Amino acid sequence: MARPEYESWVREILRCPVGHHELVDVVDEQGRPALQCAQDCDGQGRRRRYPVQDGIPVLLVDDAVVVPV
């Protein structure tokens, strides 16, 4: 599945709703695109990952997955 492309101004305003960190493009365990905190969020070595569904980031805390880095 291809990663969605966002205009630069959109990338600038996309932030984690919890830690307000920048979000970077990643791929989850199933190969689907996602956005993940660029910094620790929810403890040292842990970051929130948000799904991207149909090209739209779902920045809801309840839908986020906390992953170790």
PDB file of N, CA and C in Angstrom:
ATOM      1  N   MET A   1       0.852  -1.170   0.000  1.00  0.00           N
ATOM      2  CA  MET A   1       0.000   0.000   0.000  1.00  0.00           C
ATOM      3  C   MET A   1       0.901   1.236   0.000  1.00  0.00           C
ATOM      4  N   ALA A   2       0.630   2.178  -0.872  1.00  0.00           N
ATOM      5  CA  ALA A   2       1.457   3.375  -1.003  1.00  0.00           C
ATOM      6  C   ALA A   2       1.194   4.337   0.148  1.00  0.00           C
ATOM      7  N   ARG A   3       2.243   5.025   0.535  1.00  0.00           N
ATOM      8  CA  ARG A   3       2.100   6.046   1.561  1.00  0.00           C
ATOM      9  C   ARG A   3       1.398   7.256   0.966  1.00  0.00           C
ATOM     10  N   PRO A   4       0.510   7.866   1.729  1.00  0.00           N
ATOM     11  CA  PRO A   4      -0.154   9.066   1.212  1.00  0.00           C
ATOM     12  C   PRO A   4       0.830  10.221   1.140  1.00  0.00           C
ATOM     13  N   GLU A   5       0.634  11.088   0.166  1.00  0.00           N
ATOM     14  CA  GLU A   5       1.472  12.267   0.015  1.00  0.00           C
ATOM     15  C   GLU A   5       0.701  13.469   0.556  1.00  0.00           C
ATOM     16  N   TYR A   6       1.347  14.255   1.379  1.00  0.00           N
ATOM     17  CA  TYR A   6       0.744  15.454   1.947  1.00  0.00           C
ATOM     18  C   TYR A   6       1.548  16.663   1.516  1.00  0.00           C
ATOM     19  N   GLU A   7       0.868  17.763   1.294  1.00  0.00           N
ATOM     20  CA  GLU A   7       1.571  18.998   0.983  1.00  0.00           C
ATOM     21  C   GLU A   7       2.375  19.424   2.208  1.00  0.00           C
ATOM     22  N   SER A   8       3.432  20.193   1.969  1.00  0.00           N
ATOM     23  CA  SER A   8       4.342  20.559   3.067  1.00  0.00           C
ATOM     24  C   SER A   8       3.635  21.309   4.184  1.00  0.00           C
ATOM     25  N   TRP A   9       2.670  22.151   3.873  1.00  0.00           N
ATOM     26  CA  TRP A   9       1.986  22.896   4.929  1.00  0.00           C
ATOM     27  C   TRP A   9       1.146  21.961   5.801  1.00  0.00           C
ATOM     28  N   VAL A  10       0.640  20.888   5.214  1.00  0.00           N
ATOM     29  CA  VAL A  10      -0.131  19.919   5.995  1.00  0.00           C
ATOM     30  C   VAL A  10       0.813  19.180   6.941  1.00  0.00           C
ATOM     31  N   ARG A  11       1.987  18.799   6.443  1.00  0.00           N
ATOM     32  CA  ARG A  11       2.974  18.092   7.282  1.00  0.00           C
ATOM     33  C   ARG A  11       3.369  18.946   8.470  1.00  0.00           C
ATOM     34  N   GLU A  12       3.458  20.251   8.283  1.00  0.00           N
ATOM     35  CA  GLU A  12       3.857  21.150   9.362  1.00  0.00           C
ATOM     36  C   GLU A  12       2.832  21.183  10.500  1.00  0.00           C
ATOM     37  N   ILE A  13       1.556  21.019  10.173  1.00  0.00           N
ATOM     38  CA  ILE A  13       0.538  21.129  11.221  1.00  0.00           C
ATOM     39  C   ILE A  13       0.112  19.784  11.802  1.00  0.00           C
ATOM     40  N   LEU A  14       0.477  18.679  11.160  1.00  0.00           N
ATOM     41  CA  LEU A  14       0.144  17.358  11.714  1.00  0.00           C
ATOM     42  C   LEU A  14       1.003  17.103  12.935  1.00  0.00           C
ATOM     43  N   ARG A  15       0.384  16.963  14.089  1.00  0.00           N
ATOM     44  CA  ARG A  15       1.093  16.735  15.353  1.00  0.00           C
ATOM     45  C   ARG A  15       0.354  15.692  16.170  1.00  0.00           C
ATOM     46  N   CYS A  16       1.097  15.055  17.059  1.00  0.00           N
ATOM     47  CA  CYS A  16       0.484  14.120  18.003  1.00  0.00           C
ATOM     48  C   CYS A  16      -0.454  14.913  18.907  1.00  0.00           C
ATOM     49  N   PRO A  17      -1.702  14.466  19.064  1.00  0.00           N
ATOM     50  CA  PRO A  17      -2.631  15.191  19.926  1.00  0.00           C
ATOM     51  C   PRO A  17      -2.281  15.093  21.416  1.00  0.00           C
ATOM     52  N   VAL A  18      -1.396  14.195  21.785  1.00  0.00           N
ATOM     53  CA  VAL A  18      -1.018  14.043  23.195  1.00  0.00           C
ATOM     54  C   VAL A  18       0.235  14.850  23.513  1.00  0.00           C
ATOM     55  N   GLY A  19       1.332  14.544  22.864  1.00  0.00           N
ATOM     56  CA  GLY A  19       2.605  15.199  23.156  1.00  0.00           C
ATOM     57  C   GLY A  19       2.943  16.354  22.245  1.00  0.00           C
ATOM     58  N   HIS A  20       2.107  16.585  21.233  1.00  0.00           N
ATOM     59  CA  HIS A  20       2.310  17.664  20.257  1.00  0.00           C
ATOM     60  C   HIS A  20       3.634  17.528  19.509  1.00  0.00           C
ATOM     61  N   HIS A  21       4.111  16.282  19.366  1.00  0.00           N
ATOM     62  CA  HIS A  21       5.343  16.012  18.630  1.00  0.00           C
ATOM     63  C   HIS A  21       5.073  15.967  17.136  1.00  0.00           C
ATOM     64  N   GLU A  22       6.129  16.161  16.376  1.00  0.00           N
ATOM     65  CA  GLU A  22       6.066  15.967  14.936  1.00  0.00           C
ATOM     66  C   GLU A  22       5.755  14.493  14.669  1.00  0.00           C
ATOM     67  N   LEU A  23       5.061  14.216  13.581  1.00  0.00           N
ATOM     68  CA  LEU A  23       4.738  12.844  13.197  1.00  0.00           C
ATOM     69  C   LEU A  23       5.511  12.476  11.939  1.00  0.00           C
ATOM     70  N   VAL A  24       6.035  11.267  11.920  1.00  0.00           N
ATOM     71  CA  VAL A  24       6.798  10.787  10.774  1.00  0.00           C
ATOM     72  C   VAL A  24       6.082   9.595  10.152  1.00  0.00           C
ATOM     73  N   ASP A  25       6.321   9.392   8.855  1.00  0.00           N
ATOM     74  CA  ASP A  25       5.714   8.270   8.136  1.00  0.00           C
ATOM     75  C   ASP A  25       6.380   6.966   8.545  1.00  0.00           C
ATOM     76  N   VAL A  26       5.556   5.971   8.838  1.00  0.00           N
ATOM     77  CA  VAL A  26       6.038   4.623   9.125  1.00  0.00           C
ATOM     78  C   VAL A  26       5.072   3.637   8.470  1.00  0.00           C
ATOM     79  N   VAL A  27       5.412   2.375   8.562  1.00  0.00           N
ATOM     80  CA  VAL A  27       4.545   1.301   8.099  1.00  0.00           C
ATOM     81  C   VAL A  27       4.320   0.387   9.298  1.00  0.00           C
ATOM     82  N   ASP A  28       3.064   0.014   9.546  1.00  0.00           N
ATOM     83  CA  ASP A  28       2.783  -0.844  10.700  1.00  0.00           C
ATOM     84  C   ASP A  28       3.136  -2.299  10.396  1.00  0.00           C
ATOM     85  N   GLU A  29       2.862  -3.176  11.334  1.00  0.00           N
ATOM     86  CA  GLU A  29       3.227  -4.595  11.216  1.00  0.00           C
ATOM     87  C   GLU A  29       2.532  -5.287  10.042  1.00  0.00           C
ATOM     88  N   GLN A  30       1.376  -4.760   9.626  1.00  0.00           N
ATOM     89  CA  GLN A  30       0.639  -5.345   8.506  1.00  0.00           C
ATOM     90  C   GLN A  30       0.984  -4.672   7.174  1.00  0.00           C
ATOM     91  N   GLY A  31       1.948  -3.770   7.191  1.00  0.00           N
ATOM     92  CA  GLY A  31       2.371  -3.100   5.967  1.00  0.00           C
ATOM     93  C   GLY A  31       1.518  -1.902   5.579  1.00  0.00           C
ATOM     94  N   ARG A  32       0.669  -1.451   6.490  1.00  0.00           N
ATOM     95  CA  ARG A  32      -0.190  -0.306   6.211  1.00  0.00           C
ATOM     96  C   ARG A  32       0.506   0.990   6.637  1.00  0.00           C
ATOM     97  N   PRO A  33       0.248   2.099   5.918  1.00  0.00           N
ATOM     98  CA  PRO A  33       0.865   3.367   6.302  1.00  0.00           C
ATOM     99  C   PRO A  33       0.326   3.857   7.639  1.00  0.00           C
ATOM    100  N   ALA A  34       1.191   4.549   8.377  1.00  0.00           N
ATOM    101  CA  ALA A  34       0.818   5.107   9.668  1.00  0.00           C
ATOM    102  C   ALA A  34       1.692   6.324   9.929  1.00  0.00           C
ATOM    103  N   LEU A  35       1.319   7.088  10.934  1.00  0.00           N
ATOM    104  CA  LEU A  35       2.131   8.212  11.398  1.00  0.00           C
ATOM    105  C   LEU A  35       2.526   7.925  12.836  1.00  0.00           C
ATOM    106  N   GLN A  36       3.766   8.214  13.161  1.00  0.00           N
ATOM    107  CA  GLN A  36       4.291   7.901  14.496  1.00  0.00           C
ATOM    108  C   GLN A  36       5.009   9.115  15.062  1.00  0.00           C
ATOM    109  N   CYS A  37       4.926   9.278  16.377  1.00  0.00           N
ATOM    110  CA  CYS A  37       5.624  10.377  17.045  1.00  0.00           C
ATOM    111  C   CYS A  37       7.116  10.298  16.746  1.00  0.00           C
ATOM    112  N   ALA A  38       7.713  11.445  16.490  1.00  0.00           N
ATOM    113  CA  ALA A  38       9.147  11.509  16.230  1.00  0.00           C
ATOM    114  C   ALA A  38       9.940  11.482  17.531  1.00  0.00           C
ATOM    115  N   GLN A  39       9.256  11.684  18.659  1.00  0.00           N
ATOM    116  CA  GLN A  39       9.899  11.672  19.973  1.00  0.00           C
ATOM    117  C   GLN A  39       9.123  10.737  20.893  1.00  0.00           C
ATOM    118  N   ASP A  40       9.754  10.364  22.005  1.00  0.00           N
ATOM    119  CA  ASP A  40       9.077   9.507  22.976  1.00  0.00           C
ATOM    120  C   ASP A  40       7.788  10.178  23.458  1.00  0.00           C
ATOM    121  N   CYS A  41       6.753   9.374  23.570  1.00  0.00           N
ATOM    122  CA  CYS A  41       5.433   9.872  23.967  1.00  0.00           C
ATOM    123  C   CYS A  41       4.741   8.728  24.705  1.00  0.00           C
ATOM    124  N   ASP A  42       4.645   8.796  25.978  1.00  0.00           N
ATOM    125  CA  ASP A  42       4.049   7.771  26.827  1.00  0.00           C
ATOM    126  C   ASP A  42       5.147   6.979  27.526  1.00  0.00           C
ATOM    127  N   GLY A  43       6.240   7.640  27.810  1.00  0.00           N
ATOM    128  CA  GLY A  43       7.336   6.996  28.520  1.00  0.00           C
ATOM    129  C   GLY A  43       8.565   6.844  27.646  1.00  0.00           C
ATOM    130  N   GLN A  44       9.680   6.649  28.301  1.00  0.00           N
ATOM    131  CA  GLN A  44      10.946   6.521  27.589  1.00  0.00           C
ATOM    132  C   GLN A  44      10.947   5.284  26.700  1.00  0.00           C
ATOM    133  N   GLY A  45      11.338   5.481  25.436  1.00  0.00           N
ATOM    134  CA  GLY A  45      11.406   4.376  24.489  1.00  0.00           C
ATOM    135  C   GLY A  45      10.061   3.918  23.954  1.00  0.00           C
ATOM    136  N   ARG A  46       9.013   4.739  24.140  1.00  0.00           N
ATOM    137  CA  ARG A  46       7.672   4.382  23.666  1.00  0.00           C
ATOM    138  C   ARG A  46       7.107   5.553  22.864  1.00  0.00           C
ATOM    139  N   ARG A  47       6.476   5.234  21.765  1.00  0.00           N
ATOM    140  CA  ARG A  47       5.898   6.269  20.909  1.00  0.00           C
ATOM    141  C   ARG A  47       4.511   5.858  20.447  1.00  0.00           C
ATOM    142  N   ARG A  48       3.677   6.847  20.217  1.00  0.00           N
ATOM    143  CA  ARG A  48       2.333   6.583  19.713  1.00  0.00           C
ATOM    144  C   ARG A  48       2.357   6.490  18.191  1.00  0.00           C
ATOM    145  N   ARG A  49       1.610   5.534  17.666  1.00  0.00           N
ATOM    146  CA  ARG A  49       1.474   5.358  16.218  1.00  0.00           C
ATOM    147  C   ARG A  49      -0.008   5.487  15.878  1.00  0.00           C
ATOM    148  N   TYR A  50      -0.288   6.311  14.882  1.00  0.00           N
ATOM    149  CA  TYR A  50      -1.663   6.583  14.453  1.00  0.00           C
ATOM    150  C   TYR A  50      -1.896   5.985  13.068  1.00  0.00           C
ATOM    151  N   PRO A  51      -3.023   5.324  12.880  1.00  0.00           N
ATOM    152  CA  PRO A  51      -3.301   4.714  11.565  1.00  0.00           C
ATOM    153  C   PRO A  51      -3.626   5.772  10.514  1.00  0.00           C
ATOM    154  N   VAL A  52      -3.409   5.410   9.264  1.00  0.00           N
ATOM    155  CA  VAL A  52      -3.828   6.221   8.121  1.00  0.00           C
ATOM    156  C   VAL A  52      -4.819   5.354   7.356  1.00  0.00           C
ATOM    157  N   GLN A  53      -6.051   5.824   7.257  1.00  0.00           N
ATOM    158  CA  GLN A  53      -7.103   5.058   6.578  1.00  0.00           C
ATOM    159  C   GLN A  53      -7.573   5.818   5.344  1.00  0.00           C
ATOM    160  N   ASP A  54      -7.463   5.193   4.189  1.00  0.00           N
ATOM    161  CA  ASP A  54      -7.848   5.813   2.920  1.00  0.00           C
ATOM    162  C   ASP A  54      -7.132   7.140   2.710  1.00  0.00           C
ATOM    163  N   GLY A  55      -5.871   7.208   3.142  1.00  0.00           N
ATOM    164  CA  GLY A  55      -5.074   8.413   2.965  1.00  0.00           C
ATOM    165  C   GLY A  55      -5.304   9.487   4.004  1.00  0.00           C
ATOM    166  N   ILE A  56      -6.158   9.224   4.986  1.00  0.00           N
ATOM    167  CA  ILE A  56      -6.489  10.220   6.003  1.00  0.00           C
ATOM    168  C   ILE A  56      -5.928   9.771   7.349  1.00  0.00           C
ATOM    169  N   PRO A  57      -5.074  10.591   7.985  1.00  0.00           N
ATOM    170  CA  PRO A  57      -4.552  10.237   9.302  1.00  0.00           C
ATOM    171  C   PRO A  57      -5.668  10.261  10.348  1.00  0.00           C
ATOM    172  N   VAL A  58      -5.733   9.224  11.159  1.00  0.00           N
ATOM    173  CA  VAL A  58      -6.731   9.137  12.227  1.00  0.00           C
ATOM    174  C   VAL A  58      -6.003   9.478  13.528  1.00  0.00           C
ATOM    175  N   LEU A  59      -6.042  10.757  13.894  1.00  0.00           N
ATOM    176  CA  LEU A  59      -5.290  11.234  15.059  1.00  0.00           C
ATOM    177  C   LEU A  59      -6.158  11.238  16.311  1.00  0.00           C
ATOM    178  N   LEU A  60      -6.725  10.098  16.605  1.00  0.00           N
ATOM    179  CA  LEU A  60      -7.536   9.912  17.800  1.00  0.00           C
ATOM    180  C   LEU A  60      -6.738   9.073  18.794  1.00  0.00           C
ATOM    181  N   VAL A  61      -6.645   9.552  20.019  1.00  0.00           N
ATOM    182  CA  VAL A  61      -5.851   8.866  21.042  1.00  0.00           C
ATOM    183  C   VAL A  61      -6.330   7.440  21.226  1.00  0.00           C
ATOM    184  N   ASP A  62      -7.632   7.210  21.176  1.00  0.00           N
ATOM    185  CA  ASP A  62      -8.175   5.854  21.363  1.00  0.00           C
ATOM    186  C   ASP A  62      -7.783   4.899  20.233  1.00  0.00           C
ATOM    187  N   ASP A  63      -7.460   5.425  19.054  1.00  0.00           N
ATOM    188  CA  ASP A  63      -7.062   4.577  17.929  1.00  0.00           C
ATOM    189  C   ASP A  63      -5.555   4.421  17.814  1.00  0.00           C
ATOM    190  N   ALA A  64      -4.808   5.136  18.644  1.00  0.00           N
ATOM    191  CA  ALA A  64      -3.341   5.066  18.601  1.00  0.00           C
ATOM    192  C   ALA A  64      -2.862   3.784  19.261  1.00  0.00           C
ATOM    193  N   VAL A  65      -1.692   3.332  18.807  1.00  0.00           N
ATOM    194  CA  VAL A  65      -1.021   2.177  19.394  1.00  0.00           C
ATOM    195  C   VAL A  65       0.308   2.673  19.948  1.00  0.00           C
ATOM    196  N   VAL A  66       0.614   2.321  21.190  1.00  0.00           N
ATOM    197  CA  VAL A  66       1.897   2.690  21.767  1.00  0.00           C
ATOM    198  C   VAL A  66       2.886   1.583  21.431  1.00  0.00           C
ATOM    199  N   VAL A  67       3.992   1.970  20.777  1.00  0.00           N
ATOM    200  CA  VAL A  67       4.979   0.989  20.316  1.00  0.00           C
ATOM    201  C   VAL A  67       6.341   1.293  20.929  1.00  0.00           C
ATOM    202  N   PRO A  68       7.114   0.248  21.221  1.00  0.00           N
ATOM    203  CA  PRO A  68       8.481   0.470  21.703  1.00  0.00           C
ATOM    204  C   PRO A  68       9.399   0.839  20.536  1.00  0.00           C
ATOM    205  N   VAL A  69      10.395   1.650  20.842  1.00  0.00           N
ATOM    206  CA  VAL A  69      11.380   2.010  19.802  1.00  0.00           C
ATOM    207  C   VAL A  69      12.773   1.697  20.275  1.00  0.00           C
TER     208      VAL A  69
END
